[in-house]
Amino acid sequence: MSAANAGKALTVEVDGSSYSRIPIRTRVVMPGDDLDAFVREYATDVVKPGDIFFVTEKIVAITQGRSYLVEDITPRRLALFLSKFVVRTPYGIGLGMPETMEMALRECGTIRILFAAAVSAVTKLFGRKGDFYRIAGDKARAIDGPTSGTIPPYNKAVVLGPERPREVARHLKTLIGGMAEVAVVDINDLGGNILGSTLDKAAERRLVAILKDNPLGQGHESTPLGVVRAAGD
């Protein structure tokens, strides 16, 4: 069994059951890589019947051609303005830079982003947080900006969320012979969510709880794939 990433536990207990979170170390995924070939190369010998095989949204998006160098993005004035009001965290820049905000405007539409920003500005006055992303939606939440801790060349790139993540999960389940359920996940050190999976809603909520401490890591771990397995199996 693979070792846990630094600072992460291999096993976690959720609702009275213990689960192993097994990171799968890979090479860096590059634009133009084929996701099917990548999964066959690294996951085939690891995934077992009854597992949950999970894939980060970032590698799905990269193989779909949804990675853009910062230098190739020209933010409009609105993006420059709105990005000033986004709170940056130590775990990621989010939409707190003009280039990521510009991509959010393109992905989600100007009206939706403006509405999300307006509602968020009002509800923050009452101590409520998170309304911007609740309104802007998963496409905005899934946008990854460059950070110093990101593996090159993505330390100088903006990566959008993946297209059709539910269809990707179903396809990958077939690819690995149907032996495991599959989830495309957006997990970071602040939490996360399931963008698409072959699980039911209850199982998705349990998977988020199992992965809430981000066992694949946030920086240079190079573990974009992983397996959840009942401990002891």
Foldseek 3Di string as FASTA:
>chain_A
DADFDPPDDQWDDDPRFIKGKFFWFDPDQAQVDDPLVRCCVTPLVPDAFPKEKEFEQQNQQSPVVQKFFLVVADADPVLQVLLCPDDQDPQASQSNHSRLSRVLCVVQNPVQQVVLSVVQVVVVVVVDDDSSDVRSDDQSVQWGQADPQADPPRNRIIGTGHPPQQVVQVVVCVSSPVRHKYFHWHATQQFTATPHIPDDPVVRVRVSVRCGRPRCYRGDSNRRMIIMDGPPD
